Amino acid sequence: MSEHQTEHHTEHHIVSPKVYFTIFGALMVFTALTVAVARYDLAAIWGPLNIIVAMTVATIKATLVILYFMHVKYSSKLTQVIVIAGLFWLVILLVLTISDYLVRTGWPTPLGQV
């Protein structure tokens, strides 16, 4: 076999350290925001505001990690489709779980009662 036939041409995207440090800084800012928000009772403003803020910040942080540290942003379209399909499956499971929980009566039961 010739040398040309055995070569594998794979293209890798080189990410500069500046990008990594910027994403790391953003993650640290969002972590500090999470800690700061956890110290205040946002339920006094609106009942579910604490969980909404916490889940929004967690979603932003997870998106940054997936896109940059797991290199999905620079991956092939197939990898991006697989990640999106996994997220879609997660949404399906969460919707089914929440819908099951909401239709049950008598929940939660006091400890020790059946």
PDB file of N, CA and C in Angstrom:
ATOM      1  N   MET A   1       0.835  -1.184   0.000  1.00  0.00           N
ATOM      2  CA  MET A   1       0.000   0.000   0.000  1.00  0.00           C
ATOM      3  C   MET A   1       0.873   1.238   0.000  1.00  0.00           C
ATOM      4  N   SER A   2       0.405   2.196  -0.689  1.00  0.00           N
ATOM      5  CA  SER A   2       1.170   3.427  -0.712  1.00  0.00           C
ATOM      6  C   SER A   2       0.913   4.221   0.567  1.00  0.00           C
ATOM      7  N   GLU A   3       1.773   5.159   0.787  1.00  0.00           N
ATOM      8  CA  GLU A   3       1.662   5.982   1.991  1.00  0.00           C
ATOM      9  C   GLU A   3       0.391   6.827   1.990  1.00  0.00           C
ATOM     10  N   HIS A   4      -0.036   7.220   0.812  1.00  0.00           N
ATOM     11  CA  HIS A   4      -1.240   8.055   0.700  1.00  0.00           C
ATOM     12  C   HIS A   4      -2.502   7.293   1.106  1.00  0.00           C
ATOM     13  N   GLN A   5      -2.570   6.007   0.829  1.00  0.00           N
ATOM     14  CA  GLN A   5      -3.761   5.224   1.128  1.00  0.00           C
ATOM     15  C   GLN A   5      -3.912   4.934   2.621  1.00  0.00           C
ATOM     16  N   THR A   6      -2.829   4.876   3.357  1.00  0.00           N
ATOM     17  CA  THR A   6      -2.909   4.530   4.772  1.00  0.00           C
ATOM     18  C   THR A   6      -3.072   5.740   5.679  1.00  0.00           C
ATOM     19  N   GLU A   7      -2.915   6.929   5.124  1.00  0.00           N
ATOM     20  CA  GLU A   7      -3.068   8.130   5.944  1.00  0.00           C
ATOM     21  C   GLU A   7      -4.534   8.369   6.260  1.00  0.00           C
ATOM     22  N   HIS A   8      -4.760   8.835   7.460  1.00  0.00           N
ATOM     23  CA  HIS A   8      -6.104   9.225   7.851  1.00  0.00           C
ATOM     24  C   HIS A   8      -6.128  10.737   7.957  1.00  0.00           C
ATOM     25  N   HIS A   9      -7.012  11.326   7.197  1.00  0.00           N
ATOM     26  CA  HIS A   9      -7.116  12.776   7.217  1.00  0.00           C
ATOM     27  C   HIS A   9      -8.236  13.171   8.167  1.00  0.00           C
ATOM     28  N   THR A  10      -7.856  13.494   9.369  1.00  0.00           N
ATOM     29  CA  THR A  10      -8.838  13.969  10.338  1.00  0.00           C
ATOM     30  C   THR A  10      -8.477  15.390  10.695  1.00  0.00           C
ATOM     31  N   GLU A  11      -9.469  16.220  10.691  1.00  0.00           N
ATOM     32  CA  GLU A  11      -9.247  17.622  10.977  1.00  0.00           C
ATOM     33  C   GLU A  11      -9.702  17.914  12.403  1.00  0.00           C
ATOM     34  N   HIS A  12      -8.822  18.466  13.203  1.00  0.00           N
ATOM     35  CA  HIS A  12      -9.139  18.822  14.576  1.00  0.00           C
ATOM     36  C   HIS A  12      -9.092  20.330  14.708  1.00  0.00           C
ATOM     37  N   HIS A  13     -10.064  20.852  15.405  1.00  0.00           N
ATOM     38  CA  HIS A  13     -10.096  22.289  15.634  1.00  0.00           C
ATOM     39  C   HIS A  13      -9.241  22.594  16.857  1.00  0.00           C
ATOM     40  N   ILE A  14      -8.314  23.507  16.711  1.00  0.00           N
ATOM     41  CA  ILE A  14      -7.446  23.908  17.811  1.00  0.00           C
ATOM     42  C   ILE A  14      -8.097  25.096  18.516  1.00  0.00           C
ATOM     43  N   VAL A  15      -8.360  24.917  19.801  1.00  0.00           N
ATOM     44  CA  VAL A  15      -8.983  25.970  20.589  1.00  0.00           C
ATOM     45  C   VAL A  15      -7.883  26.665  21.388  1.00  0.00           C
ATOM     46  N   SER A  16      -7.876  27.975  21.332  1.00  0.00           N
ATOM     47  CA  SER A  16      -6.834  28.722  22.029  1.00  0.00           C
ATOM     48  C   SER A  16      -7.071  28.693  23.539  1.00  0.00           C
ATOM     49  N   PRO A  17      -6.017  28.792  24.315  1.00  0.00           N
ATOM     50  CA  PRO A  17      -6.176  28.845  25.775  1.00  0.00           C
ATOM     51  C   PRO A  17      -7.029  30.029  26.227  1.00  0.00           C
ATOM     52  N   LYS A  18      -7.029  31.110  25.451  1.00  0.00           N
ATOM     53  CA  LYS A  18      -7.841  32.272  25.794  1.00  0.00           C
ATOM     54  C   LYS A  18      -9.319  31.899  25.871  1.00  0.00           C
ATOM     55  N   VAL A  19      -9.775  31.068  24.942  1.00  0.00           N
ATOM     56  CA  VAL A  19     -11.171  30.626  24.951  1.00  0.00           C
ATOM     57  C   VAL A  19     -11.453  29.803  26.208  1.00  0.00           C
ATOM     58  N   TYR A  20     -10.539  28.878  26.523  1.00  0.00           N
ATOM     59  CA  TYR A  20     -10.728  28.049  27.722  1.00  0.00           C
ATOM     60  C   TYR A  20     -10.771  28.893  28.989  1.00  0.00           C
ATOM     61  N   PHE A  21      -9.879  29.869  29.102  1.00  0.00           N
ATOM     62  CA  PHE A  21      -9.868  30.720  30.290  1.00  0.00           C
ATOM     63  C   PHE A  21     -11.116  31.607  30.354  1.00  0.00           C
ATOM     64  N   THR A  22     -11.599  32.041  29.200  1.00  0.00           N
ATOM     65  CA  THR A  22     -12.831  32.837  29.168  1.00  0.00           C
ATOM     66  C   THR A  22     -14.021  32.003  29.633  1.00  0.00           C
ATOM     67  N   ILE A  23     -14.121  30.774  29.149  1.00  0.00           N
ATOM     68  CA  ILE A  23     -15.213  29.887  29.564  1.00  0.00           C
ATOM     69  C   ILE A  23     -15.079  29.545  31.037  1.00  0.00           C
ATOM     70  N   PHE A  24     -13.862  29.294  31.489  1.00  0.00           N
ATOM     71  CA  PHE A  24     -13.642  29.018  32.914  1.00  0.00           C
ATOM     72  C   PHE A  24     -14.076  30.218  33.764  1.00  0.00           C
ATOM     73  N   GLY A  25     -13.718  31.421  33.326  1.00  0.00           N
ATOM     74  CA  GLY A  25     -14.136  32.621  34.047  1.00  0.00           C
ATOM     75  C   GLY A  25     -15.647  32.759  34.090  1.00  0.00           C
ATOM     76  N   ALA A  26     -16.299  32.478  32.963  1.00  0.00           N
ATOM     77  CA  ALA A  26     -17.767  32.540  32.928  1.00  0.00           C
ATOM     78  C   ALA A  26     -18.371  31.513  33.877  1.00  0.00           C
ATOM     79  N   LEU A  27     -17.805  30.309  33.918  1.00  0.00           N
ATOM     80  CA  LEU A  27     -18.306  29.282  34.837  1.00  0.00           C
ATOM     81  C   LEU A  27     -18.135  29.711  36.294  1.00  0.00           C
ATOM     82  N   MET A  28     -17.033  30.364  36.604  1.00  0.00           N
ATOM     83  CA  MET A  28     -16.804  30.835  37.976  1.00  0.00           C
ATOM     84  C   MET A  28     -17.790  31.959  38.331  1.00  0.00           C
ATOM     85  N   VAL A  29     -18.067  32.835  37.378  1.00  0.00           N
ATOM     86  CA  VAL A  29     -19.033  33.910  37.618  1.00  0.00           C
ATOM     87  C   VAL A  29     -20.415  33.317  37.866  1.00  0.00           C
ATOM     88  N   PHE A  30     -20.805  32.352  37.055  1.00  0.00           N
ATOM     89  CA  PHE A  30     -22.121  31.727  37.242  1.00  0.00           C
ATOM     90  C   PHE A  30     -22.186  30.930  38.539  1.00  0.00           C
ATOM     91  N   THR A  31     -21.067  30.333  38.951  1.00  0.00           N
ATOM     92  CA  THR A  31     -21.047  29.639  40.236  1.00  0.00           C
ATOM     93  C   THR A  31     -21.212  30.632  41.381  1.00  0.00           C
ATOM     94  N   ALA A  32     -20.527  31.760  41.301  1.00  0.00           N
ATOM     95  CA  ALA A  32     -20.682  32.800  42.320  1.00  0.00           C
ATOM     96  C   ALA A  32     -22.114  33.334  42.333  1.00  0.00           C
ATOM     97  N   LEU A  33     -22.706  33.479  41.152  1.00  0.00           N
ATOM     98  CA  LEU A  33     -24.096  33.916  41.067  1.00  0.00           C
ATOM     99  C   LEU A  33     -25.030  32.908  41.729  1.00  0.00           C
ATOM    100  N   THR A  34     -24.771  31.634  41.517  1.00  0.00           N
ATOM    101  CA  THR A  34     -25.587  30.587  42.147  1.00  0.00           C
ATOM    102  C   THR A  34     -25.501  30.671  43.664  1.00  0.00           C
ATOM    103  N   VAL A  35     -24.297  30.849  44.192  1.00  0.00           N
ATOM    104  CA  VAL A  35     -24.111  30.949  45.639  1.00  0.00           C
ATOM    105  C   VAL A  35     -24.783  32.213  46.173  1.00  0.00           C
ATOM    106  N   ALA A  36     -24.632  33.320  45.460  1.00  0.00           N
ATOM    107  CA  ALA A  36     -25.237  34.581  45.910  1.00  0.00           C
ATOM    108  C   ALA A  36     -26.757  34.497  45.923  1.00  0.00           C
ATOM    109  N   VAL A  37     -27.325  33.908  44.887  1.00  0.00           N
ATOM    110  CA  VAL A  37     -28.780  33.805  44.810  1.00  0.00           C
ATOM    111  C   VAL A  37     -29.310  32.842  45.875  1.00  0.00           C
ATOM    112  N   ALA A  38     -28.539  31.811  46.195  1.00  0.00           N
ATOM    113  CA  ALA A  38     -28.979  30.837  47.199  1.00  0.00           C
ATOM    114  C   ALA A  38     -29.076  31.453  48.594  1.00  0.00           C
ATOM    115  N   ARG A  39     -28.373  32.537  48.821  1.00  0.00           N
ATOM    116  CA  ARG A  39     -28.405  33.190  50.135  1.00  0.00           C
ATOM    117  C   ARG A  39     -29.671  34.017  50.356  1.00  0.00           C
ATOM    118  N   TYR A  40     -30.388  34.332  49.285  1.00  0.00           N
ATOM    119  CA  TYR A  40     -31.587  35.155  49.390  1.00  0.00           C
ATOM    120  C   TYR A  40     -32.834  34.315  49.155  1.00  0.00           C
ATOM    121  N   ASP A  41     -33.899  34.681  49.857  1.00  0.00           N
ATOM    122  CA  ASP A  41     -35.168  33.990  49.686  1.00  0.00           C
ATOM    123  C   ASP A  41     -35.961  34.698  48.595  1.00  0.00           C
ATOM    124  N   LEU A  42     -35.800  34.206  47.376  1.00  0.00           N
ATOM    125  CA  LEU A  42     -36.504  34.815  46.256  1.00  0.00           C
ATOM    126  C   LEU A  42     -37.972  34.405  46.221  1.00  0.00           C
ATOM    127  N   ALA A  43     -38.347  33.446  47.053  1.00  0.00           N
ATOM    128  CA  ALA A  43     -39.745  33.023  47.114  1.00  0.00           C
ATOM    129  C   ALA A  43     -40.625  34.153  47.638  1.00  0.00           C
ATOM    130  N   ALA A  44     -40.039  35.094  48.378  1.00  0.00           N
ATOM    131  CA  ALA A  44     -40.811  36.234  48.861  1.00  0.00           C
ATOM    132  C   ALA A  44     -41.247  37.125  47.698  1.00  0.00           C
ATOM    133  N   ILE A  45     -40.447  37.165  46.641  1.00  0.00           N
ATOM    134  CA  ILE A  45     -40.798  37.938  45.453  1.00  0.00           C
ATOM    135  C   ILE A  45     -41.833  37.177  44.626  1.00  0.00           C
ATOM    136  N   TRP A  46     -41.527  35.910  44.363  1.00  0.00           N
ATOM    137  CA  TRP A  46     -42.428  35.045  43.618  1.00  0.00           C
ATOM    138  C   TRP A  46     -42.073  33.613  43.974  1.00  0.00           C
ATOM    139  N   GLY A  47     -43.028  32.798  44.302  1.00  0.00           N
ATOM    140  CA  GLY A  47     -42.849  31.450  44.827  1.00  0.00           C
ATOM    141  C   GLY A  47     -41.723  30.624  44.223  1.00  0.00           C
ATOM    142  N   PRO A  48     -41.812  30.280  42.946  1.00  0.00           N
ATOM    143  CA  PRO A  48     -40.805  29.377  42.381  1.00  0.00           C
ATOM    144  C   PRO A  48     -39.572  30.072  41.804  1.00  0.00           C
ATOM    145  N   LEU A  49     -39.318  31.315  42.182  1.00  0.00           N
ATOM    146  CA  LEU A  49     -38.216  32.060  41.575  1.00  0.00           C
ATOM    147  C   LEU A  49     -36.844  31.462  41.905  1.00  0.00           C
ATOM    148  N   ASN A  50     -36.665  30.924  43.118  1.00  0.00           N
ATOM    149  CA  ASN A  50     -35.373  30.320  43.480  1.00  0.00           C
ATOM    150  C   ASN A  50     -35.009  29.184  42.528  1.00  0.00           C
ATOM    151  N   ILE A  51     -35.946  28.280  42.296  1.00  0.00           N
ATOM    152  CA  ILE A  51     -35.654  27.132  41.439  1.00  0.00           C
ATOM    153  C   ILE A  51     -35.491  27.549  39.987  1.00  0.00           C
ATOM    154  N   ILE A  52     -36.230  28.556  39.560  1.00  0.00           N
ATOM    155  CA  ILE A  52     -36.108  29.032  38.180  1.00  0.00           C
ATOM    156  C   ILE A  52     -34.717  29.626  37.943  1.00  0.00           C
ATOM    157  N   VAL A  53     -34.253  30.455  38.867  1.00  0.00           N
ATOM    158  CA  VAL A  53     -32.924  31.062  38.724  1.00  0.00           C
ATOM    159  C   VAL A  53     -31.843  29.983  38.797  1.00  0.00           C
ATOM    160  N   ALA A  54     -31.962  29.066  39.748  1.00  0.00           N
ATOM    161  CA  ALA A  54     -30.949  28.013  39.900  1.00  0.00           C
ATOM    162  C   ALA A  54     -30.877  27.123  38.659  1.00  0.00           C
ATOM    163  N   MET A  55     -32.021  26.738  38.119  1.00  0.00           N
ATOM    164  CA  MET A  55     -32.030  25.873  36.937  1.00  0.00           C
ATOM    165  C   MET A  55     -31.555  26.609  35.687  1.00  0.00           C
ATOM    166  N   THR A  56     -31.854  27.900  35.593  1.00  0.00           N
ATOM    167  CA  THR A  56     -31.375  28.681  34.454  1.00  0.00           C
ATOM    168  C   THR A  56     -29.856  28.778  34.471  1.00  0.00           C
ATOM    169  N   VAL A  57     -29.291  29.087  35.626  1.00  0.00           N
ATOM    170  CA  VAL A  57     -27.835  29.184  35.740  1.00  0.00           C
ATOM    171  C   VAL A  57     -27.191  27.817  35.481  1.00  0.00           C
ATOM    172  N   ALA A  58     -27.773  26.750  36.008  1.00  0.00           N
ATOM    173  CA  ALA A  58     -27.231  25.404  35.786  1.00  0.00           C
ATOM    174  C   ALA A  58     -27.287  25.017  34.308  1.00  0.00           C
ATOM    175  N   THR A  59     -28.349  25.411  33.627  1.00  0.00           N
ATOM    176  CA  THR A  59     -28.470  25.109  32.198  1.00  0.00           C
ATOM    177  C   THR A  59     -27.421  25.861  31.388  1.00  0.00           C
ATOM    178  N   ILE A  60     -27.194  27.108  31.730  1.00  0.00           N
ATOM    179  CA  ILE A  60     -26.166  27.892  31.037  1.00  0.00           C
ATOM    180  C   ILE A  60     -24.787  27.274  31.258  1.00  0.00           C
ATOM    181  N   LYS A  61     -24.495  26.889  32.496  1.00  0.00           N
ATOM    182  CA  LYS A  61     -23.196  26.281  32.789  1.00  0.00           C
ATOM    183  C   LYS A  61     -23.026  24.948  32.069  1.00  0.00           C
ATOM    184  N   ALA A  62     -24.065  24.133  32.056  1.00  0.00           N
ATOM    185  CA  ALA A  62     -23.983  22.842  31.367  1.00  0.00           C
ATOM    186  C   ALA A  62     -23.789  23.042  29.867  1.00  0.00           C
ATOM    187  N   THR A  63     -24.451  24.036  29.305  1.00  0.00           N
ATOM    188  CA  THR A  63     -24.301  24.319  27.877  1.00  0.00           C
ATOM    189  C   THR A  63     -22.874  24.736  27.549  1.00  0.00           C
ATOM    190  N   LEU A  64     -22.284  25.582  28.381  1.00  0.00           N
ATOM    191  CA  LEU A  64     -20.892  25.986  28.154  1.00  0.00           C
ATOM    192  C   LEU A  64     -19.948  24.793  28.217  1.00  0.00           C
ATOM    193  N   VAL A  65     -20.142  23.928  29.193  1.00  0.00           N
ATOM    194  CA  VAL A  65     -19.280  22.747  29.337  1.00  0.00           C
ATOM    195  C   VAL A  65     -19.429  21.830  28.122  1.00  0.00           C
ATOM    196  N   ILE A  66     -20.665  21.587  27.714  1.00  0.00           N
ATOM    197  CA  ILE A  66     -20.893  20.694  26.574  1.00  0.00           C
ATOM    198  C   ILE A  66     -20.305  21.279  25.293  1.00  0.00           C
ATOM    199  N   LEU A  67     -20.538  22.560  25.050  1.00  0.00           N
ATOM    200  CA  LEU A  67     -20.078  23.161  23.800  1.00  0.00           C
ATOM    201  C   LEU A  67     -18.565  23.288  23.715  1.00  0.00           C
ATOM    202  N   TYR A  68     -17.925  23.726  24.788  1.00  0.00           N
ATOM    203  CA  TYR A  68     -16.502  24.046  24.694  1.00  0.00           C
ATOM    204  C   TYR A  68     -15.595  22.965  25.266  1.00  0.00           C
ATOM    205  N   PHE A  69     -15.858  22.480  26.476  1.00  0.00           N
ATOM    206  CA  PHE A  69     -14.951  21.497  27.067  1.00  0.00           C
ATOM    207  C   PHE A  69     -15.138  20.105  26.468  1.00  0.00           C
ATOM    208  N   MET A  70     -16.332  19.809  25.972  1.00  0.00           N
ATOM    209  CA  MET A  70     -16.565  18.527  25.303  1.00  0.00           C
ATOM    210  C   MET A  70     -16.435  18.668  23.785  1.00  0.00           C
ATOM    211  N   HIS A  71     -16.091  19.852  23.310  1.00  0.00           N
ATOM    212  CA  HIS A  71     -15.791  20.154  21.908  1.00  0.00           C
ATOM    213  C   HIS A  71     -16.955  19.889  20.957  1.00  0.00           C
ATOM    214  N   VAL A  72     -18.179  19.942  21.451  1.00  0.00           N
ATOM    215  CA  VAL A  72     -19.330  19.709  20.579  1.00  0.00           C
ATOM    216  C   VAL A  72     -19.494  20.851  19.585  1.00  0.00           C
ATOM    217  N   LYS A  73     -19.107  22.032  19.975  1.00  0.00           N
ATOM    218  CA  LYS A  73     -19.229  23.185  19.074  1.00  0.00           C
ATOM    219  C   LYS A  73     -18.416  22.982  17.799  1.00  0.00           C
ATOM    220  N   TYR A  74     -17.288  22.310  17.910  1.00  0.00           N
ATOM    221  CA  TYR A  74     -16.400  22.130  16.774  1.00  0.00           C
ATOM    222  C   TYR A  74     -16.482  20.718  16.193  1.00  0.00           C
ATOM    223  N   SER A  75     -17.427  19.916  16.656  1.00  0.00           N
ATOM    224  CA  SER A  75     -17.551  18.537  16.192  1.00  0.00           C
ATOM    225  C   SER A  75     -18.367  18.460  14.909  1.00  0.00           C
ATOM    226  N   SER A  76     -18.466  17.240  14.413  1.00  0.00           N
ATOM    227  CA  SER A  76     -19.224  17.017  13.183  1.00  0.00           C
ATOM    228  C   SER A  76     -20.717  17.183  13.439  1.00  0.00           C
ATOM    229  N   LYS A  77     -21.448  17.305  12.370  1.00  0.00           N
ATOM    230  CA  LYS A  77     -22.905  17.445  12.475  1.00  0.00           C
ATOM    231  C   LYS A  77     -23.519  16.205  13.120  1.00  0.00           C
ATOM    232  N   LEU A  78     -22.958  15.028  12.877  1.00  0.00           N
ATOM    233  CA  LEU A  78     -23.472  13.801  13.466  1.00  0.00           C
ATOM    234  C   LEU A  78     -23.365  13.851  14.991  1.00  0.00           C
ATOM    235  N   THR A  79     -22.245  14.312  15.501  1.00  0.00           N
ATOM    236  CA  THR A  79     -22.080  14.431  16.949  1.00  0.00           C
ATOM    237  C   THR A  79     -23.085  15.422  17.518  1.00  0.00           C
ATOM    238  N   GLN A  80     -23.292  16.530  16.839  1.00  0.00           N
ATOM    239  CA  GLN A  80     -24.250  17.522  17.308  1.00  0.00           C
ATOM    240  C   GLN A  80     -25.672  16.966  17.300  1.00  0.00           C
ATOM    241  N   VAL A  81     -26.014  16.185  16.288  1.00  0.00           N
ATOM    242  CA  VAL A  81     -27.342  15.565  16.233  1.00  0.00           C
ATOM    243  C   VAL A  81     -27.515  14.577  17.381  1.00  0.00           C
ATOM    244  N   ILE A  82     -26.486  13.808  17.683  1.00  0.00           N
ATOM    245  CA  ILE A  82     -26.562  12.838  18.782  1.00  0.00           C
ATOM    246  C   ILE A  82     -26.743  13.551  20.118  1.00  0.00           C
ATOM    247  N   VAL A  83     -26.042  14.655  20.332  1.00  0.00           N
ATOM    248  CA  VAL A  83     -26.198  15.422  21.576  1.00  0.00           C
ATOM    249  C   VAL A  83     -27.614  15.983  21.671  1.00  0.00           C
ATOM    250  N   ILE A  84     -28.122  16.531  20.587  1.00  0.00           N
ATOM    251  CA  ILE A  84     -29.479  17.076  20.590  1.00  0.00           C
ATOM    252  C   ILE A  84     -30.501  15.965  20.816  1.00  0.00           C
ATOM    253  N   ALA A  85     -30.287  14.803  20.221  1.00  0.00           N
ATOM    254  CA  ALA A  85     -31.193  13.675  20.429  1.00  0.00           C
ATOM    255  C   ALA A  85     -31.183  13.227  21.894  1.00  0.00           C
ATOM    256  N   GLY A  86     -30.009  13.230  22.516  1.00  0.00           N
ATOM    257  CA  GLY A  86     -29.925  12.884  23.936  1.00  0.00           C
ATOM    258  C   GLY A  86     -30.669  13.881  24.812  1.00  0.00           C
ATOM    259  N   LEU A  87     -30.551  15.149  24.497  1.00  0.00           N
ATOM    260  CA  LEU A  87     -31.277  16.172  25.246  1.00  0.00           C
ATOM    261  C   LEU A  87     -32.788  16.052  25.031  1.00  0.00           C
ATOM    262  N   PHE A  88     -33.188  15.727  23.816  1.00  0.00           N
ATOM    263  CA  PHE A  88     -34.604  15.528  23.516  1.00  0.00           C
ATOM    264  C   PHE A  88     -35.152  14.343  24.315  1.00  0.00           C
ATOM    265  N   TRP A  89     -34.370  13.269  24.401  1.00  0.00           N
ATOM    266  CA  TRP A  89     -34.777  12.104  25.185  1.00  0.00           C
ATOM    267  C   TRP A  89     -34.898  12.465  26.666  1.00  0.00           C
ATOM    268  N   LEU A  90     -33.980  13.269  27.165  1.00  0.00           N
ATOM    269  CA  LEU A  90     -34.059  13.721  28.559  1.00  0.00           C
ATOM    270  C   LEU A  90     -35.346  14.502  28.797  1.00  0.00           C
ATOM    271  N   VAL A  91     -35.704  15.371  27.873  1.00  0.00           N
ATOM    272  CA  VAL A  91     -36.945  16.144  28.008  1.00  0.00           C
ATOM    273  C   VAL A  91     -38.153  15.219  28.025  1.00  0.00           C
ATOM    274  N   ILE A  92     -38.159  14.213  27.161  1.00  0.00           N
ATOM    275  CA  ILE A  92     -39.274  13.254  27.147  1.00  0.00           C
ATOM    276  C   ILE A  92     -39.394  12.564  28.505  1.00  0.00           C
ATOM    277  N   LEU A  93     -38.287  12.097  29.052  1.00  0.00           N
ATOM    278  CA  LEU A  93     -38.321  11.406  30.345  1.00  0.00           C
ATOM    279  C   LEU A  93     -38.786  12.332  31.466  1.00  0.00           C
ATOM    280  N   LEU A  94     -38.323  13.574  31.458  1.00  0.00           N
ATOM    281  CA  LEU A  94     -38.749  14.514  32.493  1.00  0.00           C
ATOM    282  C   LEU A  94     -40.233  14.839  32.382  1.00  0.00           C
ATOM    283  N   VAL A  95     -40.732  15.025  31.174  1.00  0.00           N
ATOM    284  CA  VAL A  95     -42.158  15.304  30.985  1.00  0.00           C
ATOM    285  C   VAL A  95     -42.997  14.127  31.458  1.00  0.00           C
ATOM    286  N   LEU A  96     -42.600  12.921  31.114  1.00  0.00           N
ATOM    287  CA  LEU A  96     -43.354  11.749  31.562  1.00  0.00           C
ATOM    288  C   LEU A  96     -43.330  11.605  33.084  1.00  0.00           C
ATOM    289  N   THR A  97     -42.174  11.855  33.690  1.00  0.00           N
ATOM    290  CA  THR A  97     -42.071  11.752  35.140  1.00  0.00           C
ATOM    291  C   THR A  97     -42.928  12.806  35.835  1.00  0.00           C
ATOM    292  N   ILE A  98     -42.848  14.037  35.363  1.00  0.00           N
ATOM    293  CA  ILE A  98     -43.635  15.112  35.977  1.00  0.00           C
ATOM    294  C   ILE A  98     -45.121  14.886  35.765  1.00  0.00           C
ATOM    295  N   SER A  99     -45.515  14.429  34.579  1.00  0.00           N
ATOM    296  CA  SER A  99     -46.943  14.180  34.343  1.00  0.00           C
ATOM    297  C   SER A  99     -47.457  13.050  35.231  1.00  0.00           C
ATOM    298  N   ASP A 100     -46.642  12.027  35.477  1.00  0.00           N
ATOM    299  CA  ASP A 100     -47.039  10.948  36.376  1.00  0.00           C
ATOM    300  C   ASP A 100     -47.177  11.467  37.804  1.00  0.00           C
ATOM    301  N   TYR A 101     -46.245  12.286  38.228  1.00  0.00           N
ATOM    302  CA  TYR A 101     -46.276  12.829  39.589  1.00  0.00           C
ATOM    303  C   TYR A 101     -47.503  13.718  39.801  1.00  0.00           C
ATOM    304  N   LEU A 102     -47.850  14.514  38.802  1.00  0.00           N
ATOM    305  CA  LEU A 102     -48.954  15.466  38.949  1.00  0.00           C
ATOM    306  C   LEU A 102     -50.331  14.806  38.990  1.00  0.00           C
ATOM    307  N   VAL A 103     -50.485  13.629  38.386  1.00  0.00           N
ATOM    308  CA  VAL A 103     -51.795  12.989  38.381  1.00  0.00           C
ATOM    309  C   VAL A 103     -52.032  12.103  39.599  1.00  0.00           C
ATOM    310  N   ARG A 104     -51.019  11.874  40.395  1.00  0.00           N
ATOM    311  CA  ARG A 104     -51.197  11.043  41.586  1.00  0.00           C
ATOM    312  C   ARG A 104     -51.854  11.855  42.689  1.00  0.00           C
ATOM    313  N   THR A 105     -52.726  11.200  43.434  1.00  0.00           N
ATOM    314  CA  THR A 105     -53.403  11.881  44.536  1.00  0.00           C
ATOM    315  C   THR A 105     -52.821  11.388  45.857  1.00  0.00           C
ATOM    316  N   GLY A 106     -52.894  12.247  46.864  1.00  0.00           N
ATOM    317  CA  GLY A 106     -52.414  11.874  48.187  1.00  0.00           C
ATOM    318  C   GLY A 106     -50.914  11.889  48.343  1.00  0.00           C
ATOM    319  N   TRP A 107     -50.215  12.589  47.472  1.00  0.00           N
ATOM    320  CA  TRP A 107     -48.760  12.657  47.565  1.00  0.00           C
ATOM    321  C   TRP A 107     -48.348  14.001  48.096  1.00  0.00           C
ATOM    322  N   PRO A 108     -47.318  14.125  48.795  1.00  0.00           N
ATOM    323  CA  PRO A 108     -46.560  13.054  49.434  1.00  0.00           C
ATOM    324  C   PRO A 108     -47.267  12.575  50.686  1.00  0.00           C
ATOM    325  N   THR A 109     -47.092  11.337  50.986  1.00  0.00           N
ATOM    326  CA  THR A 109     -47.719  10.783  52.194  1.00  0.00           C
ATOM    327  C   THR A 109     -46.824  11.031  53.390  1.00  0.00           C
ATOM    328  N   PRO A 110     -47.404  11.187  54.574  1.00  0.00           N
ATOM    329  CA  PRO A 110     -46.574  11.324  55.777  1.00  0.00           C
ATOM    330  C   PRO A 110     -45.738  10.060  55.983  1.00  0.00           C
ATOM    331  N   LEU A 111     -44.574  10.223  56.532  1.00  0.00           N
ATOM    332  CA  LEU A 111     -43.659   9.114  56.745  1.00  0.00           C
ATOM    333  C   LEU A 111     -44.310   8.050  57.639  1.00  0.00           C
ATOM    334  N   GLY A 112     -44.255   6.814  57.233  1.00  0.00           N
ATOM    335  CA  GLY A 112     -44.789   5.725  58.033  1.00  0.00           C
ATOM    336  C   GLY A 112     -46.198   5.339  57.665  1.00  0.00           C
ATOM    337  N   GLN A 113     -46.863   6.105  56.833  1.00  0.00           N
ATOM    338  CA  GLN A 113     -48.217   5.759  56.415  1.00  0.00           C
ATOM    339  C   GLN A 113     -48.192   5.156  55.015  1.00  0.00           C
ATOM    340  N   VAL A 114     -49.120   4.252  54.795  1.00  0.00           N
ATOM    341  CA  VAL A 114     -49.184   3.607  53.493  1.00  0.00           C
ATOM    342  C   VAL A 114     -50.432   4.038  52.771  1.00  0.00           C
TER     343      VAL A 114
END
